Amino acid sequence: MASSKRLPTSHAEAIAALDGRVSRKLMHNTAVVVFYDDGRIKLNTEGWRTVTTKDRLNRCLPYPWRVASDARKGGWGLYENGERLTHFSDHMELRPNHAGILRPWRGGAA
């Protein structure tokens, strides 16, 4: 299973493990980052596009991935090594390709 940094938690935040296959970073009952044992990472704000949510996403994302806001491009974007690759959308995933490198993915159900 992919691991995340251990973050301080409060009444509103927690990291939960389910069946040993999935770990989640929760904020107010929203799984903002979900790590799957096959290497996928799902990102989700449930519409809570706040500075705090963006901070929690970035604390959990592995290097070189970041979520950042860019008013010129219209909202949040997903960045790799400082280069904007795509517009951020809820429920988007990073999935490992055949070489094990994470790439953005926006499809239907897995």
PDB file of N, CA and C in Angstrom:
ATOM      1  N   MET A   1       0.846  -1.177   0.000  1.00  0.00           N
ATOM      2  CA  MET A   1       0.000   0.000   0.000  1.00  0.00           C
ATOM      3  C   MET A   1       0.884   1.230   0.000  1.00  0.00           C
ATOM      4  N   ALA A   2       0.501   2.209  -0.794  1.00  0.00           N
ATOM      5  CA  ALA A   2       1.211   3.482  -0.779  1.00  0.00           C
ATOM      6  C   ALA A   2       0.999   4.114   0.576  1.00  0.00           C
ATOM      7  N   SER A   3       1.975   4.827   1.061  1.00  0.00           N
ATOM      8  CA  SER A   3       1.829   5.418   2.379  1.00  0.00           C
ATOM      9  C   SER A   3       1.820   6.926   2.272  1.00  0.00           C
ATOM     10  N   SER A   4       1.241   7.545   3.265  1.00  0.00           N
ATOM     11  CA  SER A   4       1.223   8.996   3.316  1.00  0.00           C
ATOM     12  C   SER A   4       2.026   9.435   4.528  1.00  0.00           C
ATOM     13  N   LYS A   5       2.391  10.708   4.543  1.00  0.00           N
ATOM     14  CA  LYS A   5       3.050  11.258   5.715  1.00  0.00           C
ATOM     15  C   LYS A   5       2.057  11.225   6.862  1.00  0.00           C
ATOM     16  N   ARG A   6       2.530  11.009   8.057  1.00  0.00           N
ATOM     17  CA  ARG A   6       1.655  11.035   9.227  1.00  0.00           C
ATOM     18  C   ARG A   6       1.397  12.492   9.562  1.00  0.00           C
ATOM     19  N   LEU A   7       0.153  12.878   9.559  1.00  0.00           N
ATOM     20  CA  LEU A   7      -0.221  14.268   9.785  1.00  0.00           C
ATOM     21  C   LEU A   7      -0.849  14.440  11.153  1.00  0.00           C
ATOM     22  N   PRO A   8      -0.700  15.626  11.734  1.00  0.00           N
ATOM     23  CA  PRO A   8      -1.435  15.892  12.959  1.00  0.00           C
ATOM     24  C   PRO A   8      -2.927  15.823  12.662  1.00  0.00           C
ATOM     25  N   THR A   9      -3.675  15.273  13.572  1.00  0.00           N
ATOM     26  CA  THR A   9      -5.113  15.173  13.346  1.00  0.00           C
ATOM     27  C   THR A   9      -5.858  15.928  14.426  1.00  0.00           C
ATOM     28  N   SER A  10      -7.061  16.337  14.096  1.00  0.00           N
ATOM     29  CA  SER A  10      -7.927  17.011  15.058  1.00  0.00           C
ATOM     30  C   SER A  10      -9.270  16.314  14.995  1.00  0.00           C
ATOM     31  N   HIS A  11     -10.269  16.893  15.641  1.00  0.00           N
ATOM     32  CA  HIS A  11     -11.606  16.314  15.583  1.00  0.00           C
ATOM     33  C   HIS A  11     -12.128  16.272  14.157  1.00  0.00           C
ATOM     34  N   ALA A  12     -11.592  17.131  13.290  1.00  0.00           N
ATOM     35  CA  ALA A  12     -12.089  17.226  11.921  1.00  0.00           C
ATOM     36  C   ALA A  12     -11.252  16.421  10.930  1.00  0.00           C
ATOM     37  N   GLU A  13     -10.109  15.908  11.342  1.00  0.00           N
ATOM     38  CA  GLU A  13      -9.216  15.231  10.420  1.00  0.00           C
ATOM     39  C   GLU A  13      -8.787  13.882  10.979  1.00  0.00           C
ATOM     40  N   ALA A  14      -8.627  12.928  10.082  1.00  0.00           N
ATOM     41  CA  ALA A  14      -8.175  11.605  10.488  1.00  0.00           C
ATOM     42  C   ALA A  14      -7.597  10.884   9.288  1.00  0.00           C
ATOM     43  N   ILE A  15      -6.757   9.920   9.565  1.00  0.00           N
ATOM     44  CA  ILE A  15      -6.275   9.016   8.530  1.00  0.00           C
ATOM     45  C   ILE A  15      -6.818   7.645   8.894  1.00  0.00           C
ATOM     46  N   ALA A  16      -7.550   7.050   7.977  1.00  0.00           N
ATOM     47  CA  ALA A  16      -8.196   5.775   8.250  1.00  0.00           C
ATOM     48  C   ALA A  16      -7.670   4.714   7.296  1.00  0.00           C
ATOM     49  N   ALA A  17      -7.552   3.493   7.778  1.00  0.00           N
ATOM     50  CA  ALA A  17      -7.160   2.359   6.939  1.00  0.00           C
ATOM     51  C   ALA A  17      -8.354   1.421   6.850  1.00  0.00           C
ATOM     52  N   LEU A  18      -8.628   0.941   5.665  1.00  0.00           N
ATOM     53  CA  LEU A  18      -9.743   0.032   5.444  1.00  0.00           C
ATOM     54  C   LEU A  18      -9.213  -1.266   4.849  1.00  0.00           C
ATOM     55  N   ASP A  19      -9.426  -2.371   5.513  1.00  0.00           N
ATOM     56  CA  ASP A  19      -9.047  -3.691   5.011  1.00  0.00           C
ATOM     57  C   ASP A  19      -7.567  -3.817   4.669  1.00  0.00           C
ATOM     58  N   GLY A  20      -6.717  -2.922   5.121  1.00  0.00           N
ATOM     59  CA  GLY A  20      -5.306  -2.995   4.792  1.00  0.00           C
ATOM     60  C   GLY A  20      -4.995  -2.690   3.336  1.00  0.00           C
ATOM     61  N   ARG A  21      -6.003  -2.336   2.533  1.00  0.00           N
ATOM     62  CA  ARG A  21      -5.799  -2.076   1.108  1.00  0.00           C
ATOM     63  C   ARG A  21      -5.905  -0.610   0.763  1.00  0.00           C
ATOM     64  N   VAL A  22      -6.544   0.156   1.610  1.00  0.00           N
ATOM     65  CA  VAL A  22      -6.820   1.553   1.294  1.00  0.00           C
ATOM     66  C   VAL A  22      -6.546   2.391   2.529  1.00  0.00           C
ATOM     67  N   SER A  23      -5.916   3.542   2.332  1.00  0.00           N
ATOM     68  CA  SER A  23      -5.833   4.502   3.435  1.00  0.00           C
ATOM     69  C   SER A  23      -6.379   5.822   2.922  1.00  0.00           C
ATOM     70  N   ARG A  24      -6.991   6.555   3.811  1.00  0.00           N
ATOM     71  CA  ARG A  24      -7.668   7.795   3.429  1.00  0.00           C
ATOM     72  C   ARG A  24      -7.285   8.922   4.357  1.00  0.00           C
ATOM     73  N   LYS A  25      -7.168  10.103   3.786  1.00  0.00           N
ATOM     74  CA  LYS A  25      -7.011  11.331   4.566  1.00  0.00           C
ATOM     75  C   LYS A  25      -8.385  11.965   4.606  1.00  0.00           C
ATOM     76  N   LEU A  26      -8.989  12.029   5.777  1.00  0.00           N
ATOM     77  CA  LEU A  26     -10.346  12.551   5.929  1.00  0.00           C
ATOM     78  C   LEU A  26     -10.325  13.952   6.513  1.00  0.00           C
ATOM     79  N   MET A  27     -11.199  14.797   5.986  1.00  0.00           N
ATOM     80  CA  MET A  27     -11.464  16.118   6.550  1.00  0.00           C
ATOM     81  C   MET A  27     -12.971  16.268   6.628  1.00  0.00           C
ATOM     82  N   HIS A  28     -13.496  16.422   7.807  1.00  0.00           N
ATOM     83  CA  HIS A  28     -14.940  16.591   7.987  1.00  0.00           C
ATOM     84  C   HIS A  28     -15.709  15.527   7.205  1.00  0.00           C
ATOM     85  N   ASN A  29     -15.302  14.270   7.328  1.00  0.00           N
ATOM     86  CA  ASN A  29     -15.952  13.122   6.687  1.00  0.00           C
ATOM     87  C   ASN A  29     -15.820  13.083   5.177  1.00  0.00           C
ATOM     88  N   THR A  30     -14.943  13.880   4.596  1.00  0.00           N
ATOM     89  CA  THR A  30     -14.661  13.819   3.166  1.00  0.00           C
ATOM     90  C   THR A  30     -13.280  13.195   2.986  1.00  0.00           C
ATOM     91  N   ALA A  31     -13.206  12.144   2.192  1.00  0.00           N
ATOM     92  CA  ALA A  31     -11.916  11.512   1.893  1.00  0.00           C
ATOM     93  C   ALA A  31     -11.236  12.357   0.822  1.00  0.00           C
ATOM     94  N   VAL A  32     -10.387  13.296   1.239  1.00  0.00           N
ATOM     95  CA  VAL A  32      -9.758  14.204   0.283  1.00  0.00           C
ATOM     96  C   VAL A  32      -8.641  13.523  -0.493  1.00  0.00           C
ATOM     97  N   VAL A  33      -7.985  12.544   0.107  1.00  0.00           N
ATOM     98  CA  VAL A  33      -6.962  11.751  -0.580  1.00  0.00           C
ATOM     99  C   VAL A  33      -7.180  10.295  -0.203  1.00  0.00           C
ATOM    100  N   VAL A  34      -7.241   9.431  -1.202  1.00  0.00           N
ATOM    101  CA  VAL A  34      -7.382   7.992  -0.968  1.00  0.00           C
ATOM    102  C   VAL A  34      -6.221   7.299  -1.660  1.00  0.00           C
ATOM    103  N   PHE A  35      -5.469   6.496  -0.895  1.00  0.00           N
ATOM    104  CA  PHE A  35      -4.357   5.716  -1.422  1.00  0.00           C
ATOM    105  C   PHE A  35      -4.804   4.259  -1.547  1.00  0.00           C
ATOM    106  N   TYR A  36      -4.657   3.689  -2.728  1.00  0.00           N
ATOM    107  CA  TYR A  36      -5.014   2.293  -2.968  1.00  0.00           C
ATOM    108  C   TYR A  36      -3.755   1.442  -3.034  1.00  0.00           C
ATOM    109  N   ASP A  37      -3.876   0.173  -2.694  1.00  0.00           N
ATOM    110  CA  ASP A  37      -2.695  -0.689  -2.679  1.00  0.00           C
ATOM    111  C   ASP A  37      -2.121  -0.954  -4.065  1.00  0.00           C
ATOM    112  N   ASP A  38      -2.884  -0.677  -5.123  1.00  0.00           N
ATOM    113  CA  ASP A  38      -2.355  -0.864  -6.477  1.00  0.00           C
ATOM    114  C   ASP A  38      -1.601   0.377  -6.973  1.00  0.00           C
ATOM    115  N   GLY A  39      -1.446   1.383  -6.092  1.00  0.00           N
ATOM    116  CA  GLY A  39      -0.685   2.577  -6.432  1.00  0.00           C
ATOM    117  C   GLY A  39      -1.510   3.777  -6.840  1.00  0.00           C
ATOM    118  N   ARG A  40      -2.819   3.589  -7.056  1.00  0.00           N
ATOM    119  CA  ARG A  40      -3.672   4.724  -7.422  1.00  0.00           C
ATOM    120  C   ARG A  40      -3.828   5.667  -6.243  1.00  0.00           C
ATOM    121  N   ILE A  41      -4.005   6.950  -6.568  1.00  0.00           N
ATOM    122  CA  ILE A  41      -4.303   7.972  -5.564  1.00  0.00           C
ATOM    123  C   ILE A  41      -5.495   8.766  -6.076  1.00  0.00           C
ATOM    124  N   LYS A  42      -6.584   8.782  -5.316  1.00  0.00           N
ATOM    125  CA  LYS A  42      -7.778   9.546  -5.701  1.00  0.00           C
ATOM    126  C   LYS A  42      -7.809  10.853  -4.927  1.00  0.00           C
ATOM    127  N   LEU A  43      -8.131  11.951  -5.635  1.00  0.00           N
ATOM    128  CA  LEU A  43      -8.202  13.294  -5.044  1.00  0.00           C
ATOM    129  C   LEU A  43      -9.638  13.790  -5.095  1.00  0.00           C
ATOM    130  N   ASN A  44     -10.086  14.421  -4.015  1.00  0.00           N
ATOM    131  CA  ASN A  44     -11.483  14.827  -3.942  1.00  0.00           C
ATOM    132  C   ASN A  44     -11.658  15.921  -2.894  1.00  0.00           C
ATOM    133  N   THR A  45     -12.364  16.980  -3.250  1.00  0.00           N
ATOM    134  CA  THR A  45     -12.663  18.032  -2.278  1.00  0.00           C
ATOM    135  C   THR A  45     -14.144  18.092  -1.927  1.00  0.00           C
ATOM    136  N   GLU A  46     -14.986  17.389  -2.686  1.00  0.00           N
ATOM    137  CA  GLU A  46     -16.449  17.494  -2.538  1.00  0.00           C
ATOM    138  C   GLU A  46     -16.890  18.943  -2.596  1.00  0.00           C
ATOM    139  N   GLY A  47     -16.194  19.739  -3.397  1.00  0.00           N
ATOM    140  CA  GLY A  47     -16.563  21.137  -3.573  1.00  0.00           C
ATOM    141  C   GLY A  47     -15.948  22.094  -2.563  1.00  0.00           C
ATOM    142  N   TRP A  48     -15.210  21.573  -1.581  1.00  0.00           N
ATOM    143  CA  TRP A  48     -14.577  22.412  -0.565  1.00  0.00           C
ATOM    144  C   TRP A  48     -13.225  22.884  -1.087  1.00  0.00           C
ATOM    145  N   ARG A  49     -13.232  23.821  -2.013  1.00  0.00           N
ATOM    146  CA  ARG A  49     -12.000  24.352  -2.609  1.00  0.00           C
ATOM    147  C   ARG A  49     -11.472  25.475  -1.720  1.00  0.00           C
ATOM    148  N   THR A  50     -10.868  25.077  -0.615  1.00  0.00           N
ATOM    149  CA  THR A  50     -10.353  26.047   0.352  1.00  0.00           C
ATOM    150  C   THR A  50      -8.833  25.928   0.452  1.00  0.00           C
ATOM    151  N   VAL A  51      -8.227  26.924   1.053  1.00  0.00           N
ATOM    152  CA  VAL A  51      -6.788  26.895   1.285  1.00  0.00           C
ATOM    153  C   VAL A  51      -6.430  25.698   2.164  1.00  0.00           C
ATOM    154  N   THR A  52      -7.247  25.412   3.167  1.00  0.00           N
ATOM    155  CA  THR A  52      -6.981  24.289   4.068  1.00  0.00           C
ATOM    156  C   THR A  52      -7.056  22.960   3.322  1.00  0.00           C
ATOM    157  N   THR A  53      -8.080  22.779   2.492  1.00  0.00           N
ATOM    158  CA  THR A  53      -8.203  21.540   1.731  1.00  0.00           C
ATOM    159  C   THR A  53      -7.014  21.370   0.798  1.00  0.00           C
ATOM    160  N   LYS A  54      -6.633  22.422   0.121  1.00  0.00           N
ATOM    161  CA  LYS A  54      -5.490  22.358  -0.796  1.00  0.00           C
ATOM    162  C   LYS A  54      -4.215  22.005  -0.025  1.00  0.00           C
ATOM    163  N   ASP A  55      -4.047  22.567   1.162  1.00  0.00           N
ATOM    164  CA  ASP A  55      -2.895  22.244   1.995  1.00  0.00           C
ATOM    165  C   ASP A  55      -2.873  20.762   2.353  1.00  0.00           C
ATOM    166  N   ARG A  56      -4.021  20.197   2.728  1.00  0.00           N
ATOM    167  CA  ARG A  56      -4.071  18.775   3.101  1.00  0.00           C
ATOM    168  C   ARG A  56      -3.794  17.883   1.901  1.00  0.00           C
ATOM    169  N   LEU A  57      -4.310  18.253   0.734  1.00  0.00           N
ATOM    170  CA  LEU A  57      -3.995  17.501  -0.480  1.00  0.00           C
ATOM    171  C   LEU A  57      -2.485  17.491  -0.705  1.00  0.00           C
ATOM    172  N   ASN A  58      -1.874  18.649  -0.630  1.00  0.00           N
ATOM    173  CA  ASN A  58      -0.444  18.756  -0.903  1.00  0.00           C
ATOM    174  C   ASN A  58       0.418  18.068   0.146  1.00  0.00           C
ATOM    175  N   ARG A  59      -0.022  18.040   1.386  1.00  0.00           N
ATOM    176  CA  ARG A  59       0.727  17.323   2.420  1.00  0.00           C
ATOM    177  C   ARG A  59       0.746  15.822   2.152  1.00  0.00           C
ATOM    178  N   CYS A  60      -0.307  15.325   1.540  1.00  0.00           N
ATOM    179  CA  CYS A  60      -0.426  13.889   1.298  1.00  0.00           C
ATOM    180  C   CYS A  60       0.158  13.454  -0.042  1.00  0.00           C
ATOM    181  N   LEU A  61       0.139  14.333  -1.018  1.00  0.00           N
ATOM    182  CA  LEU A  61       0.628  13.948  -2.349  1.00  0.00           C
ATOM    183  C   LEU A  61       2.128  13.681  -2.335  1.00  0.00           C
ATOM    184  N   PRO A  62       2.553  12.637  -3.033  1.00  0.00           N
ATOM    185  CA  PRO A  62       3.992  12.378  -3.120  1.00  0.00           C
ATOM    186  C   PRO A  62       4.670  13.393  -4.036  1.00  0.00           C
ATOM    187  N   TYR A  63       5.955  13.642  -3.773  1.00  0.00           N
ATOM    188  CA  TYR A  63       6.738  14.488  -4.659  1.00  0.00           C
ATOM    189  C   TYR A  63       6.803  13.797  -6.011  1.00  0.00           C
ATOM    190  N   PRO A  64       6.635  14.489  -7.113  1.00  0.00           N
ATOM    191  CA  PRO A  64       6.666  15.917  -7.378  1.00  0.00           C
ATOM    192  C   PRO A  64       5.280  16.516  -7.617  1.00  0.00           C
ATOM    193  N   TRP A  65       4.218  15.892  -7.125  1.00  0.00           N
ATOM    194  CA  TRP A  65       2.849  16.327  -7.397  1.00  0.00           C
ATOM    195  C   TRP A  65       2.416  17.418  -6.434  1.00  0.00           C
ATOM    196  N   ARG A  66       1.627  18.394  -6.959  1.00  0.00           N
ATOM    197  CA  ARG A  66       1.068  19.484  -6.158  1.00  0.00           C
ATOM    198  C   ARG A  66      -0.262  19.907  -6.756  1.00  0.00           C
ATOM    199  N   VAL A  67      -1.132  20.412  -5.915  1.00  0.00           N
ATOM    200  CA  VAL A  67      -2.351  21.082  -6.359  1.00  0.00           C
ATOM    201  C   VAL A  67      -2.142  22.553  -6.058  1.00  0.00           C
ATOM    202  N   ALA A  68      -2.391  23.402  -7.039  1.00  0.00           N
ATOM    203  CA  ALA A  68      -2.205  24.838  -6.838  1.00  0.00           C
ATOM    204  C   ALA A  68      -3.306  25.595  -7.569  1.00  0.00           C
ATOM    205  N   SER A  69      -3.607  26.787  -7.076  1.00  0.00           N
ATOM    206  CA  SER A  69      -4.587  27.627  -7.743  1.00  0.00           C
ATOM    207  C   SER A  69      -3.867  28.547  -8.715  1.00  0.00           C
ATOM    208  N   ASP A  70      -4.523  28.809  -9.820  1.00  0.00           N
ATOM    209  CA  ASP A  70      -3.951  29.664 -10.856  1.00  0.00           C
ATOM    210  C   ASP A  70      -5.102  30.434 -11.496  1.00  0.00           C
ATOM    211  N   ALA A  71      -5.264  31.692 -11.084  1.00  0.00           N
ATOM    212  CA  ALA A  71      -6.380  32.503 -11.577  1.00  0.00           C
ATOM    213  C   ALA A  71      -6.331  32.672 -13.095  1.00  0.00           C
ATOM    214  N   ARG A  72      -5.123  32.714 -13.655  1.00  0.00           N
ATOM    215  CA  ARG A  72      -5.007  32.882 -15.111  1.00  0.00           C
ATOM    216  C   ARG A  72      -5.546  31.674 -15.877  1.00  0.00           C
ATOM    217  N   LYS A  73      -5.452  30.509 -15.271  1.00  0.00           N
ATOM    218  CA  LYS A  73      -5.918  29.280 -15.936  1.00  0.00           C
ATOM    219  C   LYS A  73      -7.315  28.877 -15.475  1.00  0.00           C
ATOM    220  N   GLY A  74      -7.882  29.598 -14.538  1.00  0.00           N
ATOM    221  CA  GLY A  74      -9.243  29.326 -14.093  1.00  0.00           C
ATOM    222  C   GLY A  74      -9.369  28.233 -13.060  1.00  0.00           C
ATOM    223  N   GLY A  75      -8.900  28.485 -11.874  1.00  0.00           N
ATOM    224  CA  GLY A  75      -9.115  27.546 -10.783  1.00  0.00           C
ATOM    225  C   GLY A  75      -7.884  26.733 -10.429  1.00  0.00           C
ATOM    226  N   TRP A  76      -8.118  25.573  -9.852  1.00  0.00           N
ATOM    227  CA  TRP A  76      -7.040  24.722  -9.394  1.00  0.00           C
ATOM    228  C   TRP A  76      -6.492  23.883 -10.533  1.00  0.00           C
ATOM    229  N   GLY A  77      -5.220  23.569 -10.415  1.00  0.00           N
ATOM    230  CA  GLY A  77      -4.579  22.694 -11.387  1.00  0.00           C
ATOM    231  C   GLY A  77      -3.745  21.649 -10.682  1.00  0.00           C
ATOM    232  N   LEU A  78      -3.453  20.571 -11.391  1.00  0.00           N
ATOM    233  CA  LEU A  78      -2.571  19.529 -10.893  1.00  0.00           C
ATOM    234  C   LEU A  78      -1.213  19.736 -11.555  1.00  0.00           C
ATOM    235  N   TYR A  79      -0.182  19.866 -10.729  1.00  0.00           N
ATOM    236  CA  TYR A  79       1.162  20.184 -11.195  1.00  0.00           C
ATOM    237  C   TYR A  79       2.116  19.036 -10.899  1.00  0.00           C
ATOM    238  N   GLU A  80       3.040  18.822 -11.836  1.00  0.00           N
ATOM    239  CA  GLU A  80       4.130  17.873 -11.632  1.00  0.00           C
ATOM    240  C   GLU A  80       5.428  18.634 -11.881  1.00  0.00           C
ATOM    241  N   ASN A  81       6.304  18.642 -10.889  1.00  0.00           N
ATOM    242  CA  ASN A  81       7.564  19.398 -10.982  1.00  0.00           C
ATOM    243  C   ASN A  81       7.345  20.856 -11.380  1.00  0.00           C
ATOM    244  N   GLY A  82       6.284  21.458 -10.866  1.00  0.00           N
ATOM    245  CA  GLY A  82       6.006  22.864 -11.134  1.00  0.00           C
ATOM    246  C   GLY A  82       5.316  23.145 -12.454  1.00  0.00           C
ATOM    247  N   GLU A  83       5.055  22.136 -13.257  1.00  0.00           N
ATOM    248  CA  GLU A  83       4.383  22.317 -14.551  1.00  0.00           C
ATOM    249  C   GLU A  83       2.929  21.859 -14.449  1.00  0.00           C
ATOM    250  N   ARG A  84       2.031  22.755 -14.829  1.00  0.00           N
ATOM    251  CA  ARG A  84       0.615  22.416 -14.782  1.00  0.00           C
ATOM    252  C   ARG A  84       0.298  21.396 -15.871  1.00  0.00           C
ATOM    253  N   LEU A  85      -0.237  20.243 -15.448  1.00  0.00           N
ATOM    254  CA  LEU A  85      -0.564  19.191 -16.402  1.00  0.00           C
ATOM    255  C   LEU A  85      -2.028  19.184 -16.794  1.00  0.00           C
ATOM    256  N   THR A  86      -2.875  19.504 -15.836  1.00  0.00           N
ATOM    257  CA  THR A  86      -4.307  19.430 -16.105  1.00  0.00           C
ATOM    258  C   THR A  86      -5.079  20.215 -15.053  1.00  0.00           C
ATOM    259  N   HIS A  87      -6.317  20.520 -15.371  1.00  0.00           N
ATOM    260  CA  HIS A  87      -7.228  21.165 -14.434  1.00  0.00           C
ATOM    261  C   HIS A  87      -7.598  20.156 -13.348  1.00  0.00           C
ATOM    262  N   PHE A  88      -7.640  20.596 -12.104  1.00  0.00           N
ATOM    263  CA  PHE A  88      -8.039  19.719 -10.997  1.00  0.00           C
ATOM    264  C   PHE A  88      -9.540  19.498 -11.053  1.00  0.00           C
ATOM    265  N   SER A  89      -9.966  18.270 -10.866  1.00  0.00           N
ATOM    266  CA  SER A  89     -11.390  17.975 -10.741  1.00  0.00           C
ATOM    267  C   SER A  89     -11.576  16.935  -9.646  1.00  0.00           C
ATOM    268  N   ASP A  90     -12.698  17.027  -8.943  1.00  0.00           N
ATOM    269  CA  ASP A  90     -12.985  16.065  -7.888  1.00  0.00           C
ATOM    270  C   ASP A  90     -13.048  14.659  -8.464  1.00  0.00           C
ATOM    271  N   HIS A  91     -12.578  13.715  -7.677  1.00  0.00           N
ATOM    272  CA  HIS A  91     -12.557  12.284  -7.998  1.00  0.00           C
ATOM    273  C   HIS A  91     -11.530  11.918  -9.062  1.00  0.00           C
ATOM    274  N   MET A  92     -10.660  12.865  -9.431  1.00  0.00           N
ATOM    275  CA  MET A  92      -9.606  12.500 -10.376  1.00  0.00           C
ATOM    276  C   MET A  92      -8.602  11.609  -9.657  1.00  0.00           C
ATOM    277  N   GLU A  93      -7.854  10.846 -10.441  1.00  0.00           N
ATOM    278  CA  GLU A  93      -6.874   9.936  -9.870  1.00  0.00           C
ATOM    279  C   GLU A  93      -5.509  10.128 -10.512  1.00  0.00           C
ATOM    280  N   LEU A  94      -4.501   9.775  -9.748  1.00  0.00           N
ATOM    281  CA  LEU A  94      -3.164   9.554 -10.283  1.00  0.00           C
ATOM    282  C   LEU A  94      -3.021   8.037 -10.319  1.00  0.00           C
ATOM    283  N   ARG A  95      -2.633   7.512 -11.488  1.00  0.00           N
ATOM    284  CA  ARG A  95      -2.484   6.070 -11.630  1.00  0.00           C
ATOM    285  C   ARG A  95      -1.098   5.746 -12.168  1.00  0.00           C
ATOM    286  N   PRO A  96      -0.506   4.674 -11.646  1.00  0.00           N
ATOM    287  CA  PRO A  96       0.802   4.303 -12.175  1.00  0.00           C
ATOM    288  C   PRO A  96       0.669   3.732 -13.586  1.00  0.00           C
ATOM    289  N   ASN A  97       1.562   4.157 -14.493  1.00  0.00           N
ATOM    290  CA  ASN A  97       1.561   3.586 -15.842  1.00  0.00           C
ATOM    291  C   ASN A  97       2.363   2.281 -15.827  1.00  0.00           C
ATOM    292  N   HIS A  98       2.632   1.715 -16.988  1.00  0.00           N
ATOM    293  CA  HIS A  98       3.336   0.434 -17.065  1.00  0.00           C
ATOM    294  C   HIS A  98       4.728   0.484 -16.430  1.00  0.00           C
ATOM    295  N   ALA A  99       5.309   1.664 -16.353  1.00  0.00           N
ATOM    296  CA  ALA A  99       6.628   1.825 -15.735  1.00  0.00           C
ATOM    297  C   ALA A  99       6.528   2.204 -14.254  1.00  0.00           C
ATOM    298  N   GLY A 100       5.297   2.282 -13.723  1.00  0.00           N
ATOM    299  CA  GLY A 100       5.098   2.617 -12.324  1.00  0.00           C
ATOM    300  C   GLY A 100       5.112   4.107 -12.031  1.00  0.00           C
ATOM    301  N   ILE A 101       5.092   4.936 -13.082  1.00  0.00           N
ATOM    302  CA  ILE A 101       5.098   6.391 -12.907  1.00  0.00           C
ATOM    303  C   ILE A 101       3.665   6.894 -12.839  1.00  0.00           C
ATOM    304  N   LEU A 102       3.361   7.712 -11.833  1.00  0.00           N
ATOM    305  CA  LEU A 102       2.003   8.228 -11.664  1.00  0.00           C
ATOM    306  C   LEU A 102       1.657   9.213 -12.779  1.00  0.00           C
ATOM    307  N   ARG A 103       0.468   9.040 -13.344  1.00  0.00           N
ATOM    308  CA  ARG A 103      -0.045   9.930 -14.389  1.00  0.00           C
ATOM    309  C   ARG A 103      -1.496  10.287 -14.029  1.00  0.00           C
ATOM    310  N   PRO A 104      -1.942  11.501 -14.379  1.00  0.00           N
ATOM    311  CA  PRO A 104      -3.340  11.883 -14.124  1.00  0.00           C
ATOM    312  C   PRO A 104      -4.286  11.009 -14.937  1.00  0.00           C
ATOM    313  N   TRP A 105      -5.443  10.716 -14.354  1.00  0.00           N
ATOM    314  CA  TRP A 105      -6.460   9.900 -15.027  1.00  0.00           C
ATOM    315  C   TRP A 105      -7.821  10.384 -14.603  1.00  0.00           C
ATOM    316  N   ARG A 106      -8.728  10.528 -15.538  1.00  0.00           N
ATOM    317  CA  ARG A 106     -10.118  10.933 -15.257  1.00  0.00           C
ATOM    318  C   ARG A 106     -11.062  10.039 -15.989  1.00  0.00           C
ATOM    319  N   GLY A 107     -11.327   8.907 -15.524  1.00  0.00           N
ATOM    320  CA  GLY A 107     -12.234   8.008 -16.221  1.00  0.00           C
ATOM    321  C   GLY A 107     -13.431   7.698 -15.368  1.00  0.00           C
ATOM    322  N   GLY A 108     -14.145   6.694 -15.797  1.00  0.00           N
ATOM    323  CA  GLY A 108     -15.292   6.224 -15.032  1.00  0.00           C
ATOM    324  C   GLY A 108     -14.818   5.363 -13.894  1.00  0.00           C
ATOM    325  N   ALA A 109     -15.682   4.494 -13.467  1.00  0.00           N
ATOM    326  CA  ALA A 109     -15.355   3.610 -12.362  1.00  0.00           C
ATOM    327  C   ALA A 109     -14.186   2.707 -12.722  1.00  0.00           C
ATOM    328  N   ALA A 110     -13.361   2.444 -11.737  1.00  0.00           N
ATOM    329  CA  ALA A 110     -12.174   1.588 -11.970  1.00  0.00           C
ATOM    330  C   ALA A 110     -12.572   0.135 -12.032  1.00  0.00           C
TER     331      ALA A 110
END
